[in-house]
């Protein structure tokens, strides 16, 4: 969702902007998602991603070191997809946070399961 929110030429820009207006901040994420997003938005979108962090609208709320074993299990389980580190961290976040919802344009989240069998709560275009 971050890429769609930042890049006006993204096909999901309008959807991402509407969701950002609809859902209260802060939006929780992990370092792996930030890394992917910063790479995908490039130098033109870097300032906007960093501004979201500085303003507290986007907050890193995941400790990969503390959650490494469950994240590695997810990466092993979905190796055939293949699951990215960012996706594994987000799925794990849904397992440990209260009332989670993943905002994503990634269809792989229809495949992933949290706690082995539960659908990952997502909002998609």
PDB file of N, CA and C in Angstrom:
ATOM      1  N   UNK A   1       0.808  -1.189   0.000  1.00  0.00           N
ATOM      2  CA  UNK A   1       0.000   0.000   0.000  1.00  0.00           C
ATOM      3  C   UNK A   1       0.859   1.266   0.000  1.00  0.00           C
ATOM      4  N   UNK A   2       2.013   1.205   0.648  1.00  0.00           N
ATOM      5  CA  UNK A   2       2.869   2.389   0.716  1.00  0.00           C
ATOM      6  C   UNK A   2       3.263   2.901  -0.663  1.00  0.00           C
ATOM      7  N   UNK A   3       3.604   1.987  -1.540  1.00  0.00           N
ATOM      8  CA  UNK A   3       4.016   2.402  -2.888  1.00  0.00           C
ATOM      9  C   UNK A   3       2.853   3.086  -3.591  1.00  0.00           C
ATOM     10  N   UNK A   4       1.672   2.500  -3.506  1.00  0.00           N
ATOM     11  CA  UNK A   4       0.490   3.105  -4.114  1.00  0.00           C
ATOM     12  C   UNK A   4       0.166   4.455  -3.510  1.00  0.00           C
ATOM     13  N   UNK A   5       0.365   4.597  -2.232  1.00  0.00           N
ATOM     14  CA  UNK A   5       0.098   5.862  -1.558  1.00  0.00           C
ATOM     15  C   UNK A   5       1.040   6.962  -2.036  1.00  0.00           C
ATOM     16  N   UNK A   6       2.288   6.619  -2.234  1.00  0.00           N
ATOM     17  CA  UNK A   6       3.313   7.601  -2.581  1.00  0.00           C
ATOM     18  C   UNK A   6       3.349   7.914  -4.075  1.00  0.00           C
ATOM     19  N   UNK A   7       3.262   6.888  -4.895  1.00  0.00           N
ATOM     20  CA  UNK A   7       3.428   7.087  -6.340  1.00  0.00           C
ATOM     21  C   UNK A   7       2.095   7.394  -7.010  1.00  0.00           C
ATOM     22  N   UNK A   8       1.960   8.607  -7.495  1.00  0.00           N
ATOM     23  CA  UNK A   8       0.716   9.033  -8.142  1.00  0.00           C
ATOM     24  C   UNK A   8       0.437   8.276  -9.437  1.00  0.00           C
ATOM     25  N   UNK A   9       1.472   7.727 -10.052  1.00  0.00           N
ATOM     26  CA  UNK A   9       1.295   6.972 -11.294  1.00  0.00           C
ATOM     27  C   UNK A   9       1.003   5.486 -11.045  1.00  0.00           C
ATOM     28  N   UNK A  10       0.958   5.066  -9.798  1.00  0.00           N
ATOM     29  CA  UNK A  10       0.663   3.672  -9.464  1.00  0.00           C
ATOM     30  C   UNK A  10      -0.819   3.388  -9.723  1.00  0.00           C
ATOM     31  N   UNK A  11      -1.110   2.215 -10.246  1.00  0.00           N
ATOM     32  CA  UNK A  11      -2.496   1.871 -10.566  1.00  0.00           C
ATOM     33  C   UNK A  11      -3.395   1.814  -9.328  1.00  0.00           C
ATOM     34  N   UNK A  12      -2.808   1.673  -8.149  1.00  0.00           N
ATOM     35  CA  UNK A  12      -3.591   1.592  -6.921  1.00  0.00           C
ATOM     36  C   UNK A  12      -3.521   2.871  -6.086  1.00  0.00           C
ATOM     37  N   UNK A  13      -3.053   3.960  -6.681  1.00  0.00           N
ATOM     38  CA  UNK A  13      -2.889   5.212  -5.939  1.00  0.00           C
ATOM     39  C   UNK A  13      -4.204   5.695  -5.319  1.00  0.00           C
ATOM     40  N   UNK A  14      -5.259   5.753  -6.091  1.00  0.00           N
ATOM     41  CA  UNK A  14      -6.542   6.246  -5.573  1.00  0.00           C
ATOM     42  C   UNK A  14      -7.053   5.374  -4.436  1.00  0.00           C
ATOM     43  N   UNK A  15      -6.921   4.069  -4.604  1.00  0.00           N
ATOM     44  CA  UNK A  15      -7.347   3.138  -3.558  1.00  0.00           C
ATOM     45  C   UNK A  15      -6.535   3.369  -2.278  1.00  0.00           C
ATOM     46  N   UNK A  16      -5.232   3.489  -2.411  1.00  0.00           N
ATOM     47  CA  UNK A  16      -4.358   3.675  -1.247  1.00  0.00           C
ATOM     48  C   UNK A  16      -4.657   4.990  -0.538  1.00  0.00           C
ATOM     49  N   UNK A  17      -4.870   6.049  -1.285  1.00  0.00           N
ATOM     50  CA  UNK A  17      -5.192   7.345  -0.686  1.00  0.00           C
ATOM     51  C   UNK A  17      -6.515   7.260   0.066  1.00  0.00           C
ATOM     52  N   UNK A  18      -7.502   6.610  -0.527  1.00  0.00           N
ATOM     53  CA  UNK A  18      -8.805   6.461   0.134  1.00  0.00           C
ATOM     54  C   UNK A  18      -8.683   5.665   1.423  1.00  0.00           C
ATOM     55  N   UNK A  19      -7.890   4.598   1.421  1.00  0.00           N
ATOM     56  CA  UNK A  19      -7.701   3.794   2.639  1.00  0.00           C
ATOM     57  C   UNK A  19      -6.957   4.597   3.692  1.00  0.00           C
ATOM     58  N   UNK A  20      -5.960   5.363   3.288  1.00  0.00           N
ATOM     59  CA  UNK A  20      -5.200   6.182   4.238  1.00  0.00           C
ATOM     60  C   UNK A  20      -6.103   7.205   4.917  1.00  0.00           C
ATOM     61  N   UNK A  21      -7.053   7.739   4.180  1.00  0.00           N
ATOM     62  CA  UNK A  21      -7.997   8.710   4.758  1.00  0.00           C
ATOM     63  C   UNK A  21      -9.003   8.022   5.673  1.00  0.00           C
ATOM     64  N   UNK A  22      -9.297   6.757   5.372  1.00  0.00           N
ATOM     65  CA  UNK A  22     -10.314   6.003   6.097  1.00  0.00           C
ATOM     66  C   UNK A  22      -9.794   5.426   7.411  1.00  0.00           C
ATOM     67  N   UNK A  23      -8.546   5.011   7.430  1.00  0.00           N
ATOM     68  CA  UNK A  23      -8.010   4.289   8.590  1.00  0.00           C
ATOM     69  C   UNK A  23      -7.132   5.189   9.449  1.00  0.00           C
ATOM     70  N   UNK A  24      -7.358   5.156  10.754  1.00  0.00           N
ATOM     71  CA  UNK A  24      -6.589   6.046  11.625  1.00  0.00           C
ATOM     72  C   UNK A  24      -5.115   5.662  11.707  1.00  0.00           C
ATOM     73  N   UNK A  25      -4.287   6.670  11.772  1.00  0.00           N
ATOM     74  CA  UNK A  25      -2.859   6.477  11.966  1.00  0.00           C
ATOM     75  C   UNK A  25      -2.609   6.366  13.466  1.00  0.00           C
ATOM     76  N   UNK A  26      -1.504   5.784  13.885  1.00  0.00           N
ATOM     77  CA  UNK A  26      -0.383   5.370  13.045  1.00  0.00           C
ATOM     78  C   UNK A  26      -0.646   4.002  12.405  1.00  0.00           C
ATOM     79  N   UNK A  27      -0.047   3.836  11.236  1.00  0.00           N
ATOM     80  CA  UNK A  27      -0.092   2.562  10.532  1.00  0.00           C
ATOM     81  C   UNK A  27       1.179   1.824  10.893  1.00  0.00           C
ATOM     82  N   UNK A  28       1.017   0.602  11.377  1.00  0.00           N
ATOM     83  CA  UNK A  28       2.163  -0.181  11.859  1.00  0.00           C
ATOM     84  C   UNK A  28       2.781  -0.973  10.718  1.00  0.00           C
ATOM     85  N   UNK A  29       4.090  -1.060  10.744  1.00  0.00           N
ATOM     86  CA  UNK A  29       4.810  -1.799   9.712  1.00  0.00           C
ATOM     87  C   UNK A  29       6.092  -2.373  10.297  1.00  0.00           C
ATOM     88  N   UNK A  30       6.931  -2.878   9.419  1.00  0.00           N
ATOM     89  CA  UNK A  30       8.211  -3.464   9.828  1.00  0.00           C
ATOM     90  C   UNK A  30       9.316  -2.904   8.925  1.00  0.00           C
ATOM     91  N   UNK A  31      10.552  -3.126   9.330  1.00  0.00           N
ATOM     92  CA  UNK A  31      11.692  -2.617   8.565  1.00  0.00           C
ATOM     93  C   UNK A  31      11.744  -3.200   7.157  1.00  0.00           C
ATOM     94  N   UNK A  32      11.385  -4.474   7.009  1.00  0.00           N
ATOM     95  CA  UNK A  32      11.450  -5.113   5.689  1.00  0.00           C
ATOM     96  C   UNK A  32      10.487  -4.443   4.706  1.00  0.00           C
ATOM     97  N   UNK A  33       9.309  -4.065   5.168  1.00  0.00           N
ATOM     98  CA  UNK A  33       8.355  -3.367   4.305  1.00  0.00           C
ATOM     99  C   UNK A  33       8.901  -1.994   3.936  1.00  0.00           C
ATOM    100  N   UNK A  34       9.477  -1.300   4.901  1.00  0.00           N
ATOM    101  CA  UNK A  34      10.068   0.017   4.608  1.00  0.00           C
ATOM    102  C   UNK A  34      11.178  -0.100   3.577  1.00  0.00           C
ATOM    103  N   UNK A  35      12.007  -1.100   3.719  1.00  0.00           N
ATOM    104  CA  UNK A  35      13.098  -1.305   2.776  1.00  0.00           C
ATOM    105  C   UNK A  35      12.567  -1.532   1.360  1.00  0.00           C
ATOM    106  N   UNK A  36      11.584  -2.420   1.230  1.00  0.00           N
ATOM    107  CA  UNK A  36      10.984  -2.673  -0.085  1.00  0.00           C
ATOM    108  C   UNK A  36      10.345  -1.411  -0.647  1.00  0.00           C
ATOM    109  N   UNK A  37       9.590  -0.718   0.187  1.00  0.00           N
ATOM    110  CA  UNK A  37       8.891   0.482  -0.271  1.00  0.00           C
ATOM    111  C   UNK A  37       9.869   1.559  -0.727  1.00  0.00           C
ATOM    112  N   UNK A  38      10.915   1.786   0.052  1.00  0.00           N
ATOM    113  CA  UNK A  38      11.900   2.800  -0.330  1.00  0.00           C
ATOM    114  C   UNK A  38      12.581   2.436  -1.652  1.00  0.00           C
ATOM    115  N   UNK A  39      12.846   1.163  -1.844  1.00  0.00           N
ATOM    116  CA  UNK A  39      13.425   0.721  -3.118  1.00  0.00           C
ATOM    117  C   UNK A  39      12.448   0.965  -4.263  1.00  0.00           C
ATOM    118  N   UNK A  40      11.193   0.596  -4.075  1.00  0.00           N
ATOM    119  CA  UNK A  40      10.207   0.690  -5.159  1.00  0.00           C
ATOM    120  C   UNK A  40       9.809   2.127  -5.500  1.00  0.00           C
ATOM    121  N   UNK A  41       9.766   3.013  -4.514  1.00  0.00           N
ATOM    122  CA  UNK A  41       9.396   4.399  -4.824  1.00  0.00           C
ATOM    123  C   UNK A  41      10.579   5.184  -5.374  1.00  0.00           C
ATOM    124  N   UNK A  42      11.793   4.696  -5.154  1.00  0.00           N
ATOM    125  CA  UNK A  42      12.979   5.355  -5.688  1.00  0.00           C
ATOM    126  C   UNK A  42      13.237   6.697  -5.045  1.00  0.00           C
ATOM    127  N   UNK A  43      14.151   7.405  -5.635  1.00  0.00           N
ATOM    128  CA  UNK A  43      14.540   8.704  -5.062  1.00  0.00           C
ATOM    129  C   UNK A  43      13.398   9.705  -5.096  1.00  0.00           C
ATOM    130  N   UNK A  44      12.487   9.567  -6.055  1.00  0.00           N
ATOM    131  CA  UNK A  44      11.388  10.530  -6.159  1.00  0.00           C
ATOM    132  C   UNK A  44      10.382  10.400  -5.017  1.00  0.00           C
ATOM    133  N   UNK A  45      10.245   9.223  -4.421  1.00  0.00           N
ATOM    134  CA  UNK A  45       9.279   9.035  -3.349  1.00  0.00           C
ATOM    135  C   UNK A  45       9.871   8.891  -1.971  1.00  0.00           C
ATOM    136  N   UNK A  46      11.177   8.894  -1.909  1.00  0.00           N
ATOM    137  CA  UNK A  46      11.871   8.685  -0.630  1.00  0.00           C
ATOM    138  C   UNK A  46      11.463   9.697   0.440  1.00  0.00           C
ATOM    139  N   UNK A  47      11.415  10.973   0.083  1.00  0.00           N
ATOM    140  CA  UNK A  47      11.083  12.019   1.060  1.00  0.00           C
ATOM    141  C   UNK A  47       9.692  11.807   1.649  1.00  0.00           C
ATOM    142  N   UNK A  48       8.754  11.349   0.817  1.00  0.00           N
ATOM    143  CA  UNK A  48       7.387  11.161   1.304  1.00  0.00           C
ATOM    144  C   UNK A  48       7.292   9.997   2.295  1.00  0.00           C
ATOM    145  N   UNK A  49       8.004   8.906   2.027  1.00  0.00           N
ATOM    146  CA  UNK A  49       8.011   7.775   2.962  1.00  0.00           C
ATOM    147  C   UNK A  49       8.634   8.211   4.280  1.00  0.00           C
ATOM    148  N   UNK A  50       9.756   8.906   4.205  1.00  0.00           N
ATOM    149  CA  UNK A  50      10.419   9.367   5.422  1.00  0.00           C
ATOM    150  C   UNK A  50       9.558  10.372   6.178  1.00  0.00           C
ATOM    151  N   UNK A  51       8.812  11.184   5.461  1.00  0.00           N
ATOM    152  CA  UNK A  51       7.907  12.149   6.104  1.00  0.00           C
ATOM    153  C   UNK A  51       6.807  11.427   6.887  1.00  0.00           C
ATOM    154  N   UNK A  52       6.300  10.332   6.340  1.00  0.00           N
ATOM    155  CA  UNK A  52       5.290   9.548   7.063  1.00  0.00           C
ATOM    156  C   UNK A  52       5.854   9.034   8.380  1.00  0.00           C
ATOM    157  N   UNK A  53       7.108   8.623   8.358  1.00  0.00           N
ATOM    158  CA  UNK A  53       7.769   8.156   9.586  1.00  0.00           C
ATOM    159  C   UNK A  53       7.980   9.314  10.560  1.00  0.00           C
ATOM    160  N   UNK A  54       8.496  10.409  10.063  1.00  0.00           N
ATOM    161  CA  UNK A  54       8.786  11.566  10.931  1.00  0.00           C
ATOM    162  C   UNK A  54       7.521  12.121  11.586  1.00  0.00           C
ATOM    163  N   UNK A  55       6.425  12.124  10.828  1.00  0.00           N
ATOM    164  CA  UNK A  55       5.161  12.656  11.350  1.00  0.00           C
ATOM    165  C   UNK A  55       4.429  11.663  12.249  1.00  0.00           C
ATOM    166  N   UNK A  56       4.951  10.448  12.345  1.00  0.00           N
ATOM    167  CA  UNK A  56       4.327   9.445  13.196  1.00  0.00           C
ATOM    168  C   UNK A  56       3.118   8.771  12.593  1.00  0.00           C
ATOM    169  N   UNK A  57       2.873   9.001  11.303  1.00  0.00           N
ATOM    170  CA  UNK A  57       1.749   8.340  10.635  1.00  0.00           C
ATOM    171  C   UNK A  57       2.061   6.881  10.350  1.00  0.00           C
ATOM    172  N   UNK A  58       3.326   6.592  10.154  1.00  0.00           N
ATOM    173  CA  UNK A  58       3.816   5.245   9.907  1.00  0.00           C
ATOM    174  C   UNK A  58       4.786   4.912  11.036  1.00  0.00           C
ATOM    175  N   UNK A  59       4.584   3.760  11.665  1.00  0.00           N
ATOM    176  CA  UNK A  59       5.413   3.415  12.815  1.00  0.00           C
ATOM    177  C   UNK A  59       5.909   1.976  12.690  1.00  0.00           C
ATOM    178  N   UNK A  60       7.204   1.797  12.898  1.00  0.00           N
ATOM    179  CA  UNK A  60       7.796   0.469  12.916  1.00  0.00           C
ATOM    180  C   UNK A  60       7.450  -0.164  14.254  1.00  0.00           C
ATOM    181  N   UNK A  61       6.775  -1.312  14.183  1.00  0.00           N
ATOM    182  CA  UNK A  61       6.308  -1.968  15.403  1.00  0.00           C
ATOM    183  C   UNK A  61       6.525  -3.477  15.296  1.00  0.00           C
ATOM    184  N   UNK A  62       7.769  -3.858  15.002  1.00  0.00           N
ATOM    185  CA  UNK A  62       8.083  -5.276  14.847  1.00  0.00           C
ATOM    186  C   UNK A  62       9.554  -5.480  15.157  1.00  0.00           C
ATOM    187  N   UNK A  63       9.826  -6.550  15.907  1.00  0.00           N
ATOM    188  CA  UNK A  63      11.192  -6.889  16.286  1.00  0.00           C
ATOM    189  C   UNK A  63      11.553  -8.208  15.614  1.00  0.00           C
ATOM    190  N   UNK A  64      12.219  -8.134  14.476  1.00  0.00           N
ATOM    191  CA  UNK A  64      12.570  -9.346  13.738  1.00  0.00           C
ATOM    192  C   UNK A  64      13.450 -10.271  14.568  1.00  0.00           C
ATOM    193  N   UNK A  65      14.375  -9.722  15.318  1.00  0.00           N
ATOM    194  CA  UNK A  65      15.254 -10.569  16.132  1.00  0.00           C
ATOM    195  C   UNK A  65      14.439 -11.398  17.126  1.00  0.00           C
ATOM    196  N   UNK A  66      13.442 -10.796  17.722  1.00  0.00           N
ATOM    197  CA  UNK A  66      12.608 -11.493  18.687  1.00  0.00           C
ATOM    198  C   UNK A  66      11.604 -12.446  18.058  1.00  0.00           C
ATOM    199  N   UNK A  67      11.313 -12.251  16.787  1.00  0.00           N
ATOM    200  CA  UNK A  67      10.317 -13.059  16.081  1.00  0.00           C
ATOM    201  C   UNK A  67      10.942 -13.907  14.974  1.00  0.00           C
ATOM    202  N   UNK A  68      12.256 -14.075  15.028  1.00  0.00           N
ATOM    203  CA  UNK A  68      12.964 -14.740  13.939  1.00  0.00           C
ATOM    204  C   UNK A  68      12.484 -16.170  13.679  1.00  0.00           C
ATOM    205  N   UNK A  69      12.323 -16.974  14.701  1.00  0.00           N
ATOM    206  CA  UNK A  69      11.909 -18.370  14.489  1.00  0.00           C
ATOM    207  C   UNK A  69      10.568 -18.492  13.775  1.00  0.00           C
ATOM    208  N   UNK A  70       9.515 -17.787  14.233  1.00  0.00           N
ATOM    209  CA  UNK A  70       8.241 -17.888  13.516  1.00  0.00           C
ATOM    210  C   UNK A  70       8.309 -17.326  12.091  1.00  0.00           C
ATOM    211  N   UNK A  71       9.093 -16.278  11.886  1.00  0.00           N
ATOM    212  CA  UNK A  71       9.243 -15.701  10.540  1.00  0.00           C
ATOM    213  C   UNK A  71       9.942 -16.700   9.624  1.00  0.00           C
ATOM    214  N   UNK A  72      10.982 -17.345  10.117  1.00  0.00           N
ATOM    215  CA  UNK A  72      11.673 -18.355   9.307  1.00  0.00           C
ATOM    216  C   UNK A  72      10.760 -19.528   8.971  1.00  0.00           C
ATOM    217  N   UNK A  73       9.907 -19.918   9.920  1.00  0.00           N
ATOM    218  CA  UNK A  73       8.947 -21.000   9.639  1.00  0.00           C
ATOM    219  C   UNK A  73       7.991 -20.600   8.513  1.00  0.00           C
ATOM    220  N   UNK A  74       7.544 -19.361   8.531  1.00  0.00           N
ATOM    221  CA  UNK A  74       6.665 -18.879   7.462  1.00  0.00           C
ATOM    222  C   UNK A  74       7.398 -18.880   6.118  1.00  0.00           C
ATOM    223  N   UNK A  75       8.636 -18.410   6.115  1.00  0.00           N
ATOM    224  CA  UNK A  75       9.413 -18.391   4.874  1.00  0.00           C
ATOM    225  C   UNK A  75       9.620 -19.801   4.329  1.00  0.00           C
ATOM    226  N   UNK A  76       9.840 -20.760   5.208  1.00  0.00           N
ATOM    227  CA  UNK A  76       9.973 -22.162   4.785  1.00  0.00           C
ATOM    228  C   UNK A  76       8.646 -22.697   4.249  1.00  0.00           C
ATOM    229  N   UNK A  77       7.579 -22.419   4.968  1.00  0.00           N
ATOM    230  CA  UNK A  77       6.253 -22.930   4.586  1.00  0.00           C
ATOM    231  C   UNK A  77       5.834 -22.429   3.210  1.00  0.00           C
ATOM    232  N   UNK A  78       6.129 -21.177   2.915  1.00  0.00           N
ATOM    233  CA  UNK A  78       5.687 -20.565   1.658  1.00  0.00           C
ATOM    234  C   UNK A  78       6.841 -20.350   0.676  1.00  0.00           C
ATOM    235  N   UNK A  79       7.855 -21.190   0.761  1.00  0.00           N
ATOM    236  CA  UNK A  79       9.019 -21.069  -0.128  1.00  0.00           C
ATOM    237  C   UNK A  79       8.629 -21.212  -1.592  1.00  0.00           C
ATOM    238  N   UNK A  80       7.566 -21.961  -1.873  1.00  0.00           N
ATOM    239  CA  UNK A  80       7.151 -22.170  -3.258  1.00  0.00           C
ATOM    240  C   UNK A  80       6.400 -20.972  -3.837  1.00  0.00           C
ATOM    241  N   UNK A  81       5.998 -20.008  -3.003  1.00  0.00           N
ATOM    242  CA  UNK A  81       5.232 -18.860  -3.518  1.00  0.00           C
ATOM    243  C   UNK A  81       6.102 -17.927  -4.375  1.00  0.00           C
ATOM    244  N   UNK A  82       7.284 -17.509  -4.051  1.00  0.00           N
ATOM    245  CA  UNK A  82       7.987 -17.487  -2.766  1.00  0.00           C
ATOM    246  C   UNK A  82       7.564 -16.280  -1.933  1.00  0.00           C
ATOM    247  N   UNK A  83       7.600 -16.453  -0.632  1.00  0.00           N
ATOM    248  CA  UNK A  83       7.244 -15.396   0.306  1.00  0.00           C
ATOM    249  C   UNK A  83       8.464 -14.517   0.551  1.00  0.00           C
ATOM    250  N   UNK A  84       8.264 -13.212   0.523  1.00  0.00           N
ATOM    251  CA  UNK A  84       9.355 -12.288   0.841  1.00  0.00           C
ATOM    252  C   UNK A  84       9.475 -12.137   2.351  1.00  0.00           C
ATOM    253  N   UNK A  85      10.601 -11.621   2.788  1.00  0.00           N
ATOM    254  CA  UNK A  85      10.784 -11.342   4.209  1.00  0.00           C
ATOM    255  C   UNK A  85       9.729 -10.351   4.687  1.00  0.00           C
ATOM    256  N   UNK A  86       9.436  -9.344   3.880  1.00  0.00           N
ATOM    257  CA  UNK A  86       8.428  -8.349   4.262  1.00  0.00           C
ATOM    258  C   UNK A  86       7.069  -9.014   4.465  1.00  0.00           C
ATOM    259  N   UNK A  87       6.683  -9.896   3.556  1.00  0.00           N
ATOM    260  CA  UNK A  87       5.406 -10.595   3.692  1.00  0.00           C
ATOM    261  C   UNK A  87       5.379 -11.455   4.950  1.00  0.00           C
ATOM    262  N   UNK A  88       6.466 -12.167   5.215  1.00  0.00           N
ATOM    263  CA  UNK A  88       6.529 -13.019   6.402  1.00  0.00           C
ATOM    264  C   UNK A  88       6.402 -12.184   7.677  1.00  0.00           C
ATOM    265  N   UNK A  89       7.059 -11.046   7.707  1.00  0.00           N
ATOM    266  CA  UNK A  89       6.967 -10.171   8.875  1.00  0.00           C
ATOM    267  C   UNK A  89       5.538  -9.660   9.059  1.00  0.00           C
ATOM    268  N   UNK A  90       4.887  -9.285   7.970  1.00  0.00           N
ATOM    269  CA  UNK A  90       3.505  -8.808   8.075  1.00  0.00           C
ATOM    270  C   UNK A  90       2.564  -9.905   8.556  1.00  0.00           C
ATOM    271  N   UNK A  91       2.724 -11.115   8.029  1.00  0.00           N
ATOM    272  CA  UNK A  91       1.888 -12.226   8.497  1.00  0.00           C
ATOM    273  C   UNK A  91       2.133 -12.444   9.988  1.00  0.00           C
ATOM    274  N   UNK A  92       3.379 -12.443  10.392  1.00  0.00           N
ATOM    275  CA  UNK A  92       3.691 -12.619  11.817  1.00  0.00           C
ATOM    276  C   UNK A  92       3.089 -11.496  12.652  1.00  0.00           C
ATOM    277  N   UNK A  93       3.126 -10.272  12.143  1.00  0.00           N
ATOM    278  CA  UNK A  93       2.523  -9.161  12.878  1.00  0.00           C
ATOM    279  C   UNK A  93       1.038  -9.409  13.113  1.00  0.00           C
ATOM    280  N   UNK A  94       0.354 -10.017  12.139  1.00  0.00           N
ATOM    281  CA  UNK A  94      -1.071 -10.303  12.326  1.00  0.00           C
ATOM    282  C   UNK A  94      -1.306 -11.369  13.390  1.00  0.00           C
ATOM    283  N   UNK A  95      -0.274 -12.140  13.672  1.00  0.00           N
ATOM    284  CA  UNK A  95      -0.394 -13.173  14.700  1.00  0.00           C
ATOM    285  C   UNK A  95      -0.176 -12.626  16.107  1.00  0.00           C
ATOM    286  N   UNK A  96       0.511 -11.509  16.216  1.00  0.00           N
ATOM    287  CA  UNK A  96       0.878 -11.011  17.546  1.00  0.00           C
ATOM    288  C   UNK A  96       0.229  -9.678  17.922  1.00  0.00           C
ATOM    289  N   UNK A  97      -0.377  -8.986  16.964  1.00  0.00           N
ATOM    290  CA  UNK A  97      -1.029  -7.711  17.259  1.00  0.00           C
ATOM    291  C   UNK A  97      -2.538  -7.900  17.404  1.00  0.00           C
ATOM    292  N   UNK A  98      -3.147  -7.087  18.222  1.00  0.00           N
ATOM    293  CA  UNK A  98      -4.600  -7.133  18.399  1.00  0.00           C
ATOM    294  C   UNK A  98      -5.295  -6.475  17.208  1.00  0.00           C
ATOM    295  N   UNK A  99      -6.330  -7.090  16.708  1.00  0.00           N
ATOM    296  CA  UNK A  99      -7.161  -6.561  15.620  1.00  0.00           C
ATOM    297  C   UNK A  99      -6.354  -6.098  14.406  1.00  0.00           C
ATOM    298  N   UNK A 100      -5.516  -6.976  13.875  1.00  0.00           N
ATOM    299  CA  UNK A 100      -4.683  -6.570  12.740  1.00  0.00           C
ATOM    300  C   UNK A 100      -5.454  -6.573  11.421  1.00  0.00           C
ATOM    301  N   UNK A 101      -4.983  -5.754  10.506  1.00  0.00           N
ATOM    302  CA  UNK A 101      -5.455  -5.798   9.127  1.00  0.00           C
ATOM    303  C   UNK A 101      -4.299  -5.336   8.246  1.00  0.00           C
ATOM    304  N   UNK A 102      -4.019  -6.104   7.215  1.00  0.00           N
ATOM    305  CA  UNK A 102      -2.934  -5.786   6.294  1.00  0.00           C
ATOM    306  C   UNK A 102      -3.534  -5.075   5.094  1.00  0.00           C
ATOM    307  N   UNK A 103      -3.040  -3.899   4.805  1.00  0.00           N
ATOM    308  CA  UNK A 103      -3.431  -3.191   3.589  1.00  0.00           C
ATOM    309  C   UNK A 103      -2.405  -3.536   2.540  1.00  0.00           C
ATOM    310  N   UNK A 104      -2.852  -4.198   1.485  1.00  0.00           N
ATOM    311  CA  UNK A 104      -1.905  -4.675   0.488  1.00  0.00           C
ATOM    312  C   UNK A 104      -2.542  -4.788  -0.879  1.00  0.00           C
ATOM    313  N   UNK A 105      -1.707  -4.728  -1.878  1.00  0.00           N
ATOM    314  CA  UNK A 105      -2.136  -5.000  -3.249  1.00  0.00           C
ATOM    315  C   UNK A 105      -1.556  -6.330  -3.719  1.00  0.00           C
ATOM    316  N   UNK A 106      -0.937  -7.060  -2.819  1.00  0.00           N
ATOM    317  CA  UNK A 106      -0.255  -8.322  -3.113  1.00  0.00           C
ATOM    318  C   UNK A 106      -1.225  -9.497  -2.975  1.00  0.00           C
ATOM    319  N   UNK A 107      -1.563 -10.124  -4.082  1.00  0.00           N
ATOM    320  CA  UNK A 107      -2.494 -11.250  -4.085  1.00  0.00           C
ATOM    321  C   UNK A 107      -1.988 -12.456  -3.303  1.00  0.00           C
ATOM    322  N   UNK A 108      -0.694 -12.542  -3.044  1.00  0.00           N
ATOM    323  CA  UNK A 108      -0.161 -13.665  -2.271  1.00  0.00           C
ATOM    324  C   UNK A 108      -0.784 -13.737  -0.878  1.00  0.00           C
ATOM    325  N   UNK A 109      -1.284 -12.610  -0.388  1.00  0.00           N
ATOM    326  CA  UNK A 109      -1.904 -12.622   0.937  1.00  0.00           C
ATOM    327  C   UNK A 109      -3.218 -13.402   0.952  1.00  0.00           C
ATOM    328  N   UNK A 110      -3.746 -13.746  -0.208  1.00  0.00           N
ATOM    329  CA  UNK A 110      -4.910 -14.634  -0.284  1.00  0.00           C
ATOM    330  C   UNK A 110      -4.495 -16.080  -0.008  1.00  0.00           C
ATOM    331  N   UNK A 111      -3.217 -16.378  -0.202  1.00  0.00           N
ATOM    332  CA  UNK A 111      -2.676 -17.724  -0.004  1.00  0.00           C
ATOM    333  C   UNK A 111      -2.185 -17.916   1.430  1.00  0.00           C
ATOM    334  N   UNK A 112      -1.499 -16.910   1.962  1.00  0.00           N
ATOM    335  CA  UNK A 112      -0.888 -17.015   3.284  1.00  0.00           C
ATOM    336  C   UNK A 112      -1.936 -17.262   4.372  1.00  0.00           C
ATOM    337  N   UNK A 113      -1.505 -17.961   5.414  1.00  0.00           N
ATOM    338  CA  UNK A 113      -2.352 -18.211   6.572  1.00  0.00           C
ATOM    339  C   UNK A 113      -1.587 -17.837   7.838  1.00  0.00           C
ATOM    340  N   UNK A 114      -2.296 -17.273   8.778  1.00  0.00           N
ATOM    341  CA  UNK A 114      -1.704 -16.970  10.080  1.00  0.00           C
ATOM    342  C   UNK A 114      -2.117 -18.059  11.051  1.00  0.00           C
ATOM    343  N   UNK A 115      -1.295 -18.307  12.026  1.00  0.00           N
ATOM    344  CA  UNK A 115      -1.547 -19.402  12.972  1.00  0.00           C
ATOM    345  C   UNK A 115      -1.859 -20.697  12.222  1.00  0.00           C
ATOM    346  N   UNK A 116      -1.189 -20.908  11.103  1.00  0.00           N
ATOM    347  CA  UNK A 116      -1.268 -22.104  10.261  1.00  0.00           C
ATOM    348  C   UNK A 116      -2.504 -22.197   9.378  1.00  0.00           C
ATOM    349  N   UNK A 117      -3.688 -21.846   9.894  1.00  0.00           N
ATOM    350  CA  UNK A 117      -4.900 -22.083   9.107  1.00  0.00           C
ATOM    351  C   UNK A 117      -5.833 -20.894   8.971  1.00  0.00           C
ATOM    352  N   UNK A 118      -5.584 -19.818   9.676  1.00  0.00           N
ATOM    353  CA  UNK A 118      -6.488 -18.676   9.634  1.00  0.00           C
ATOM    354  C   UNK A 118      -6.146 -17.743   8.478  1.00  0.00           C
ATOM    355  N   UNK A 119      -7.161 -17.244   7.826  1.00  0.00           N
ATOM    356  CA  UNK A 119      -6.972 -16.270   6.761  1.00  0.00           C
ATOM    357  C   UNK A 119      -6.343 -15.014   7.348  1.00  0.00           C
ATOM    358  N   UNK A 120      -5.408 -14.453   6.644  1.00  0.00           N
ATOM    359  CA  UNK A 120      -4.777 -13.207   7.077  1.00  0.00           C
ATOM    360  C   UNK A 120      -5.777 -12.075   6.812  1.00  0.00           C
ATOM    361  N   UNK A 121      -6.146 -11.321   7.837  1.00  0.00           N
ATOM    362  CA  UNK A 121      -7.100 -10.227   7.613  1.00  0.00           C
ATOM    363  C   UNK A 121      -6.459  -9.133   6.757  1.00  0.00           C
ATOM    364  N   UNK A 122      -7.043  -8.947   5.580  1.00  0.00           N
ATOM    365  CA  UNK A 122      -6.487  -7.997   4.613  1.00  0.00           C
ATOM    366  C   UNK A 122      -7.555  -7.084   4.051  1.00  0.00           C
ATOM    367  N   UNK A 123      -7.095  -5.954   3.595  1.00  0.00           N
ATOM    368  CA  UNK A 123      -7.908  -5.059   2.797  1.00  0.00           C
ATOM    369  C   UNK A 123      -7.151  -4.892   1.492  1.00  0.00           C
ATOM    370  N   UNK A 124      -7.811  -5.267   0.390  1.00  0.00           N
ATOM    371  CA  UNK A 124      -7.194  -5.212  -0.945  1.00  0.00           C
ATOM    372  C   UNK A 124      -8.113  -4.470  -1.904  1.00  0.00           C
ATOM    373  N   UNK A 125      -7.531  -3.931  -2.966  1.00  0.00           N
ATOM    374  CA  UNK A 125      -8.390  -3.265  -3.967  1.00  0.00           C
ATOM    375  C   UNK A 125      -9.278  -4.282  -4.678  1.00  0.00           C
TER     376      UNK A 125
END
